[in-house]
Amino acid sequence: VQQVFKQLFYMINAVALNNLLLRKDVCSWSTGMQLRFNISQLEEWLRGKNLQQSGAAETLEPLIQAAQLLQLKKKTSEDAEAICSLCTSLTTQQIVKILNLYTPVNEFEERVTVAFIRDIQMHLQERNDPPQLLLDFRHVFPVLFPFNPSSITMDSIQLPASLNLEFLNKV
């Protein structure tokens, strides 16, 4: 059950983050607020179902950081440093793409300046990020089956003759 929810939450993360990276109309402060609220509801549900140890919440980390990125101030060099230290699960390419797509929804917000984006790129240039922008939503985590030893000893097993396994020898 834990592995199923980890996979499901990864897919939610990948599809939502990919939509954020591809759609200019959703890169705004208010979308960041909505995302963070919805993610907190998912985390609360995991706690309520006692699935905190499943790793499902950790798969949402890139989406959480993207939501926080949408909500942070984006003006000064200190803001750039804060973004770089906060967004460790996002690649440089993803951070820059979100900042480029950021669209103010009211007159109190401003577009992210090119100088600020260059400042971010300069802070993140030492990172060795993979070159891909989008997450692979078809990624499948390996399934782990727990080993449960049997109480039946191998020398007590009788093979039926109908199986035609005469070539097997007991050792």
Protein backbone atom coordinates (compact mmCIF):
# COMPACT_ATOMS: atom_id res chain seq x y z
CA VAL A 1 0.00 0.00 0.00
CA GLN A 2 2.83 2.39 0.86
CA GLN A 3 4.56 1.72 -2.46
CA VAL A 4 1.34 2.33 -4.39
CA PHE A 5 0.82 5.72 -2.75
CA LYS A 6 4.46 6.70 -3.28
CA GLN A 7 4.01 5.97 -7.00
CA LEU A 8 0.68 7.80 -7.13
CA PHE A 9 2.05 10.90 -5.39
CA TYR A 10 5.07 10.90 -7.73
CA MET A 11 2.69 10.94 -10.71
CA ILE A 12 0.70 13.81 -9.16
CA ASN A 13 3.97 15.70 -8.64
CA ALA A 14 5.24 15.06 -12.18
CA VAL A 15 2.02 15.98 -13.99
CA ALA A 16 1.43 19.12 -11.88
CA LEU A 17 5.04 20.33 -12.17
CA ASN A 18 5.11 19.65 -15.93
CA ASN A 19 1.90 21.67 -16.35
CA LEU A 20 3.44 24.48 -14.34
CA LEU A 21 6.54 24.42 -16.56
CA LEU A 22 4.52 24.46 -19.78
CA ARG A 23 1.70 26.91 -19.03
CA LYS A 24 2.29 30.60 -18.54
CA ASP A 25 -1.25 31.16 -17.28
CA VAL A 26 -0.62 29.11 -14.11
CA CYS A 27 2.73 30.63 -13.07
CA SER A 28 1.48 33.19 -10.58
CA TRP A 29 1.50 33.96 -6.86
CA SER A 30 -2.11 32.82 -6.44
CA THR A 31 -1.39 29.47 -8.11
CA GLY A 32 1.51 29.03 -5.68
CA MET A 33 -0.92 29.56 -2.81
CA GLN A 34 -3.42 27.08 -4.23
CA LEU A 35 -0.72 24.48 -4.84
CA ARG A 36 0.67 24.81 -1.33
CA PHE A 37 -2.80 24.48 0.20
CA ASN A 38 -3.62 21.40 -1.89
CA ILE A 39 -0.27 19.79 -1.10
CA SER A 40 -0.81 20.39 2.61
CA GLN A 41 -4.18 18.64 2.27
CA LEU A 42 -2.44 15.64 0.66
CA GLU A 43 0.19 15.60 3.42
CA GLU A 44 -2.53 15.77 6.07
CA TRP A 45 -4.34 12.86 4.40
CA LEU A 46 -1.11 10.82 4.47
CA ARG A 47 -0.73 11.52 8.19
CA GLY A 48 -4.37 10.58 8.79
CA LYS A 49 -3.86 7.25 7.01
CA ASN A 50 -0.54 6.65 8.82
CA LEU A 51 1.41 6.63 5.54
CA GLN A 52 4.12 9.15 6.49
CA GLN A 53 6.84 6.49 6.18
CA SER A 54 5.82 5.56 2.62
CA GLY A 55 8.01 8.21 0.97
CA ALA A 56 4.95 9.64 -0.81
CA ALA A 57 5.32 13.09 0.77
CA GLU A 58 8.97 13.25 -0.31
CA THR A 59 7.99 12.73 -3.94
CA LEU A 60 6.03 16.01 -3.75
CA GLU A 61 9.12 18.04 -2.80
CA PRO A 62 9.76 19.52 -6.29
CA LEU A 63 6.15 20.70 -6.49
CA ILE A 64 6.32 22.16 -2.97
CA GLN A 65 9.45 24.08 -3.91
CA ALA A 66 7.87 25.31 -7.16
CA ALA A 67 4.86 26.58 -5.19
CA GLN A 68 7.17 28.35 -2.76
CA LEU A 69 9.16 29.82 -5.66
CA LEU A 70 5.96 31.34 -7.02
CA GLN A 71 5.27 32.94 -3.63
CA LEU A 72 8.73 34.33 -2.84
CA LYS A 73 9.90 37.87 -3.55
CA LYS A 74 11.92 38.05 -6.75
CA LYS A 75 13.79 41.37 -6.72
CA THR A 76 17.06 41.55 -4.79
CA SER A 77 20.24 39.50 -4.69
CA GLU A 78 19.20 38.27 -1.23
CA ASP A 79 15.97 36.99 -2.77
CA ALA A 80 18.04 35.15 -5.39
CA GLU A 81 20.18 33.54 -2.67
CA ALA A 82 17.06 32.50 -0.76
CA ILE A 83 15.57 30.94 -3.88
CA CYS A 84 18.80 29.06 -4.65
CA SER A 85 19.04 27.66 -1.12
CA LEU A 86 15.35 26.73 -1.03
CA CYS A 87 14.94 25.10 -4.45
CA THR A 88 17.25 22.11 -4.10
CA SER A 89 14.85 19.61 -5.69
CA LEU A 90 14.33 21.74 -8.79
CA THR A 91 16.92 21.94 -11.56
CA THR A 92 18.39 25.25 -12.66
CA GLN A 93 16.48 24.92 -15.91
CA GLN A 94 13.19 24.42 -14.05
CA ILE A 95 13.78 27.40 -11.75
CA VAL A 96 14.64 29.68 -14.68
CA LYS A 97 11.65 28.44 -16.70
CA ILE A 98 9.22 29.14 -13.84
CA LEU A 99 10.72 32.61 -13.35
CA ASN A 100 10.46 33.34 -17.09
CA LEU A 101 6.83 32.20 -17.16
CA TYR A 102 5.88 34.04 -13.96
CA THR A 103 2.87 36.22 -14.74
CA PRO A 104 1.58 38.86 -12.30
CA VAL A 105 -2.17 38.66 -11.78
CA ASN A 106 -2.66 42.06 -10.17
CA GLU A 107 -1.10 45.53 -10.15
CA PHE A 108 0.84 44.89 -6.91
CA GLU A 109 3.06 42.26 -8.52
CA GLU A 110 5.79 42.81 -11.06
CA ARG A 111 7.31 40.60 -13.74
CA VAL A 112 10.62 38.96 -12.91
CA THR A 113 13.43 41.00 -14.43
CA VAL A 114 16.04 39.55 -16.77
CA ALA A 115 18.76 40.78 -14.40
CA PHE A 116 17.23 38.79 -11.54
CA ILE A 117 17.06 35.63 -13.66
CA ARG A 118 20.73 36.10 -14.63
CA ASP A 119 21.57 36.51 -10.94
CA ILE A 120 19.82 33.19 -10.23
CA GLN A 121 21.71 31.50 -13.07
CA MET A 122 25.01 32.86 -11.73
CA HIS A 123 24.25 31.51 -8.24
CA LEU A 124 23.34 28.08 -9.65
CA GLN A 125 26.07 27.67 -12.26
CA GLU A 126 28.08 25.21 -10.12
CA ARG A 127 25.16 22.77 -9.92
CA ASN A 128 25.41 19.62 -12.02
CA ASP A 129 21.74 19.27 -12.90
CA PRO A 130 20.39 16.85 -15.50
CA PRO A 131 19.58 18.64 -18.77
CA GLN A 132 15.90 17.65 -18.85
CA LEU A 133 13.23 20.23 -18.08
CA LEU A 134 10.16 18.04 -17.61
CA LEU A 135 9.72 15.14 -15.20
CA ASP A 136 9.03 11.69 -16.60
CA PHE A 137 5.55 10.95 -15.25
CA ARG A 138 5.88 7.36 -16.49
CA HIS A 139 8.79 6.68 -14.12
CA VAL A 140 8.04 3.60 -12.03
CA PHE A 141 9.65 2.97 -8.66
CA PRO A 142 10.87 -0.59 -8.09
CA VAL A 143 8.43 -2.77 -6.20
CA LEU A 144 9.87 -4.36 -3.08
CA PHE A 145 8.35 -7.51 -1.66
CA PRO A 146 9.24 -8.30 1.94
CA PHE A 147 10.83 -11.69 2.61
CA ASN A 148 8.68 -13.83 4.89
CA PRO A 149 10.44 -17.09 5.74
CA SER A 150 8.27 -20.19 5.74
CA SER A 151 7.86 -22.34 8.82
CA ILE A 152 7.81 -25.46 6.58
CA THR A 153 11.17 -27.16 6.18
CA MET A 154 12.19 -28.23 2.68
CA ASP A 155 12.87 -31.88 3.65
CA SER A 156 9.27 -32.29 4.85
CA ILE A 157 7.80 -31.45 1.43
CA GLN A 158 6.37 -34.34 -0.60
CA LEU A 159 6.13 -33.79 -4.36
CA PRO A 160 3.07 -35.41 -5.96
CA ALA A 161 3.87 -37.93 -8.70
CA SER A 162 1.34 -36.22 -10.99
CA LEU A 163 3.79 -33.31 -11.42
CA ASN A 164 6.22 -35.61 -13.29
CA LEU A 165 9.24 -34.25 -11.49
CA GLU A 166 11.15 -37.52 -11.14
CA PHE A 167 14.31 -35.81 -12.37
CA LEU A 168 14.51 -33.87 -9.07
CA ASN A 169 16.55 -35.51 -6.33
CA LYS A 170 16.37 -34.78 -2.61
CA VAL A 171 19.78 -33.93 -1.21
